[in-house]
Amino acid sequence: MSTDALEKMLAKGIDNALLRFGLGKAHLDAGNAALASEHLQRCVAFDPAYSAAWKLLGKALQASGNATGAGQAWQQGIAAAQAKGDKQAEKEMTLFLRKLEKAAQA
């Protein structure tokens, strides 16, 4: 679904975690990390256990130049993934966090 179609749904008053995730992903894919971050932050506010949203939020924040925020998002995402047994998301975010920490030490 296009960003325009998703934005129209939001404008009609539809607002939920899935819609915000779709908007965040679409904006991140289009290179608009700042707008993606806003939608993904709303997504995890709706559903703090949404590990895939935490993963993308970290990527969007990192792409926006907010390494600290990215690390915090991935830490929260790892906790959410562990709570629901989402091993793949946990592994991915752990790897992203390690790379982020290694880059900060360089």
Protein backbone atom coordinates (compact mmCIF):
# COMPACT_ATOMS: atom_id res chain seq x y z
CA MET A 1 0.00 0.00 0.00
CA SER A 2 1.32 3.45 -0.86
CA THR A 3 2.24 6.08 1.68
CA ASP A 4 -0.54 8.29 0.29
CA ALA A 5 -3.18 5.61 0.88
CA LEU A 6 -1.94 5.03 4.42
CA GLU A 7 -1.89 8.78 5.13
CA LYS A 8 -5.50 9.02 3.86
CA MET A 9 -6.52 6.28 6.29
CA LEU A 10 -4.88 8.21 9.13
CA ALA A 11 -6.61 11.41 8.03
CA LYS A 12 -9.97 9.58 8.17
CA GLY A 13 -9.37 8.88 11.84
CA ILE A 14 -8.04 5.34 11.62
CA ASP A 15 -5.11 5.18 13.99
CA ASN A 16 -3.61 1.97 15.32
CA ALA A 17 -0.30 0.15 15.69
CA LEU A 18 -0.50 -1.64 12.36
CA LEU A 19 -1.23 1.54 10.41
CA ARG A 20 1.57 3.41 12.16
CA PHE A 21 3.96 0.51 11.49
CA GLY A 22 3.04 0.59 7.79
CA LEU A 23 3.55 4.34 7.62
CA GLY A 24 6.85 4.10 9.47
CA LYS A 25 8.15 1.37 7.19
CA ALA A 26 6.99 3.18 4.05
CA HIS A 27 8.64 6.45 5.09
CA LEU A 28 11.84 4.67 6.12
CA ASP A 29 11.96 2.85 2.77
CA ALA A 30 11.44 6.23 1.04
CA GLY A 31 14.39 7.72 2.93
CA ASN A 32 12.41 9.93 5.32
CA ALA A 33 13.81 8.63 8.59
CA ALA A 34 12.53 11.51 10.72
CA LEU A 35 8.91 10.99 9.70
CA ALA A 36 9.35 7.23 9.98
CA SER A 37 10.56 7.70 13.56
CA GLU A 38 7.45 9.69 14.47
CA HIS A 39 5.09 7.01 13.16
CA LEU A 40 7.06 4.17 14.72
CA GLN A 41 7.13 5.91 18.09
CA ARG A 42 3.33 6.15 17.90
CA CYS A 43 3.22 2.48 16.92
CA VAL A 44 5.12 1.31 19.99
CA ALA A 45 3.02 3.64 22.15
CA PHE A 46 -0.03 1.70 20.91
CA ASP A 47 1.68 -1.67 21.34
CA PRO A 48 4.87 -1.76 23.45
CA ALA A 49 5.26 -5.50 22.70
CA TYR A 50 5.56 -4.93 18.92
CA SER A 51 9.19 -6.08 18.53
CA ALA A 52 9.30 -5.49 14.76
CA ALA A 53 8.32 -1.87 15.35
CA TRP A 54 11.09 -1.42 17.91
CA LYS A 55 13.56 -2.84 15.40
CA LEU A 56 12.47 -0.39 12.68
CA LEU A 57 12.31 2.49 15.15
CA GLY A 58 15.94 1.88 16.03
CA LYS A 59 16.87 1.87 12.34
CA ALA A 60 14.93 5.08 11.72
CA LEU A 61 16.52 6.83 14.70
CA GLN A 62 19.98 5.67 13.63
CA ALA A 63 19.35 6.94 10.09
CA SER A 64 18.27 10.28 11.61
CA GLY A 65 21.60 10.52 13.43
CA ASN A 66 20.19 9.68 16.86
CA ALA A 67 22.45 6.80 17.89
CA THR A 68 21.47 7.07 21.55
CA GLY A 69 17.78 6.84 20.70
CA ALA A 70 18.44 3.92 18.37
CA GLY A 71 20.24 2.03 21.12
CA GLN A 72 17.41 2.69 23.57
CA ALA A 73 14.81 1.52 21.03
CA TRP A 74 16.72 -1.69 20.37
CA GLN A 75 17.12 -2.34 24.11
CA GLN A 76 13.37 -1.97 24.58
CA GLY A 77 12.79 -4.08 21.49
CA ILE A 78 15.03 -6.85 22.82
CA ALA A 79 13.04 -6.88 26.07
CA ALA A 80 9.76 -7.01 24.11
CA ALA A 81 11.06 -9.81 21.89
CA GLN A 82 12.27 -11.81 24.89
CA ALA A 83 8.91 -11.40 26.63
CA LYS A 84 7.06 -12.95 23.72
CA GLY A 85 9.71 -15.45 22.64
CA ASP A 86 10.55 -13.73 19.34
CA LYS A 87 14.09 -15.12 19.07
CA GLN A 88 14.80 -13.81 15.54
CA ALA A 89 13.95 -10.20 16.38
CA GLU A 90 15.95 -10.51 19.60
CA LYS A 91 19.02 -11.74 17.68
CA GLU A 92 18.75 -9.02 15.04
CA MET A 93 18.39 -6.18 17.53
CA THR A 94 21.20 -7.58 19.70
CA LEU A 95 23.44 -7.54 16.62
CA PHE A 96 22.39 -3.97 15.71
CA LEU A 97 23.07 -2.87 19.29
CA ARG A 98 26.53 -4.48 19.30
CA LYS A 99 27.43 -2.77 16.01
CA LEU A 100 26.20 0.54 17.37
CA GLU A 101 28.25 0.17 20.54
CA LYS A 102 31.33 -0.88 18.55
CA ALA A 103 30.99 2.18 16.30
CA ALA A 104 30.72 4.44 19.35
CA GLN A 105 33.98 3.04 20.73
CA ALA A 106 35.87 3.56 17.45
